[in-house]
Protein backbone atom coordinates (compact mmCIF):
# COMPACT_ATOMS: atom_id res chain seq x y z
CA MET A 1 -12.97 1.34 -1.13
CA ALA A 2 -13.03 1.19 -4.91
CA GLU A 3 -10.11 3.16 -6.37
CA LEU A 4 -7.92 2.24 -2.50
CA LEU A 5 -8.21 -1.50 -4.30
CA LEU A 6 -7.92 -0.15 -7.40
CA LEU A 7 -4.46 1.30 -7.02
CA ALA A 8 -3.29 -0.80 -3.80
CA ASN A 9 -3.58 -4.19 -2.34
CA PRO A 10 -3.58 -3.72 0.44
CA ASN A 11 -4.32 -6.86 3.62
CA MET A 12 -6.66 -4.84 6.14
CA ILE A 13 -9.32 -1.94 5.95
CA ARG A 14 -10.46 -1.34 9.00
CA THR A 15 -13.19 1.81 9.67
CA HIS A 16 -12.90 3.16 13.26
CA GLY A 17 -15.50 4.14 15.45
CA ASP A 18 -16.07 7.85 14.53
CA GLY A 19 -16.97 7.41 11.12
CA MET A 20 -13.87 9.74 9.52
CA SER A 21 -10.83 8.06 9.41
CA LEU A 22 -9.93 4.32 8.15
CA SER A 23 -6.63 2.16 9.30
CA VAL A 24 -4.89 -0.01 6.49
CA ASP A 25 -2.28 -2.32 6.66
CA PHE A 26 0.50 -3.23 3.29
CA ASP A 27 1.75 -6.05 2.66
CA SER A 28 5.44 -4.37 2.32
CA ILE A 29 6.74 -0.79 2.73
CA ALA A 30 6.78 -0.92 -0.73
CA ASP A 31 3.00 -1.24 -0.96
CA LEU A 32 2.57 1.51 1.30
CA ARG A 33 4.74 3.87 -0.34
CA SER A 34 3.70 2.80 -4.16
CA TRP A 35 -0.15 3.40 -3.41
CA LEU A 36 1.45 7.05 -1.67
CA ARG A 37 2.51 7.14 -4.80
CA LEU A 38 0.02 6.44 -6.94
CA ALA A 39 -2.85 8.85 -4.93
CA GLY A 40 -0.96 11.27 -4.91
CA LEU A 41 -0.14 11.31 -1.16
CA ASP A 42 3.57 11.74 -1.49
CA SER A 43 4.02 15.31 -0.94
CA PRO A 44 6.60 16.37 1.10
CA ASP A 45 4.60 17.74 4.19
CA LEU A 46 3.34 13.99 4.47
CA LEU A 47 3.44 12.96 8.11
CA THR A 48 5.30 9.32 7.97
CA GLY A 49 7.52 7.62 10.13
CA GLU A 50 10.10 4.69 10.19
CA ARG A 51 11.57 2.51 12.24
CA ASN A 52 13.23 -0.48 13.56
CA GLY A 53 12.10 -2.83 15.77
CA THR A 54 12.25 -6.40 16.81
CA THR A 55 10.12 -8.98 17.25
CA ASP A 56 9.20 -10.55 20.51
CA ASP A 57 11.00 -14.10 19.34
CA GLY A 58 13.72 -11.67 18.31
CA ARG A 59 13.22 -11.18 13.97
CA PRO A 60 14.73 -7.54 13.29
CA TYR A 61 11.99 -5.48 10.96
CA ARG A 62 11.40 -1.92 9.93
CA ARG A 63 7.62 -0.33 10.10
CA MET A 64 6.60 2.45 8.35
CA ASN A 65 3.36 4.80 9.12
CA ALA A 66 1.48 7.41 6.88
CA TYR A 67 -0.82 9.50 8.61
CA PRO A 68 -2.80 11.02 5.06
CA THR A 69 -6.21 12.74 5.01
CA TRP A 70 -7.79 10.84 1.20
CA HIS A 71 -10.96 11.81 -0.36
CA GLY A 72 -12.17 12.78 3.23
CA TRP A 73 -11.17 9.87 4.99
CA GLU A 74 -7.89 10.31 7.43
CA ILE A 75 -6.03 7.26 7.07
CA TYR A 76 -3.60 5.68 9.30
CA ALA A 77 -1.69 3.52 7.21
CA SER A 78 1.11 0.82 8.24
CA ALA A 79 3.06 -1.33 6.77
CA LYS A 80 5.95 -4.00 8.22
CA ASP A 81 9.20 -5.51 6.54
CA TYR A 82 11.66 -8.51 8.13
CA THR A 83 14.77 -7.49 7.38
CA ASP A 84 16.42 -10.88 7.96
CA ALA A 85 17.15 -12.69 5.18
CA SER A 86 16.43 -15.96 6.10
CA PRO A 87 18.23 -18.56 4.12
CA LEU A 88 16.71 -21.68 2.20
CA ASP A 89 16.75 -24.84 3.99
CA PRO A 90 19.05 -27.22 2.63
CA THR A 91 16.03 -30.06 1.40
CA THR A 92 15.12 -26.26 -1.17
CA THR A 93 18.87 -25.50 -2.00
CA ASP A 94 19.58 -28.65 -3.18
CA ARG A 95 15.77 -29.12 -5.27
CA LEU A 96 17.21 -25.82 -6.81
CA THR A 97 20.76 -27.65 -7.52
CA ALA A 98 19.20 -30.64 -9.48
CA LEU A 99 17.18 -27.91 -11.14
CA THR A 100 20.18 -25.69 -12.47
CA VAL A 101 21.55 -26.13 -15.85
CA GLU A 102 25.23 -26.03 -17.08
CA VAL A 103 25.06 -23.56 -20.58
CA PRO A 104 28.36 -24.50 -22.37
CA ALA A 105 30.81 -21.71 -23.41
């Protein structure tokens, strides 16, 4: 577990009742891929899956799952990225604009 925490920053680790498998959730697909690479698990034969979907309220996302065996544990790793670029609200935009400084040419 310490190695997992040192190599990555999962937002959830859950053991399964079989005592041989873990579910690990990551904040982003980039975090999951980074952990797979750092742990030496990103081989071409690694079982992974990616898919696009939409939440119940219509927000689009991309989900990645990976199923490596790591230090004797069967890992069910997952991450989700929302793919909509939510714009800044007008108040935040105005405040950021006020902070900008025009640089003379």
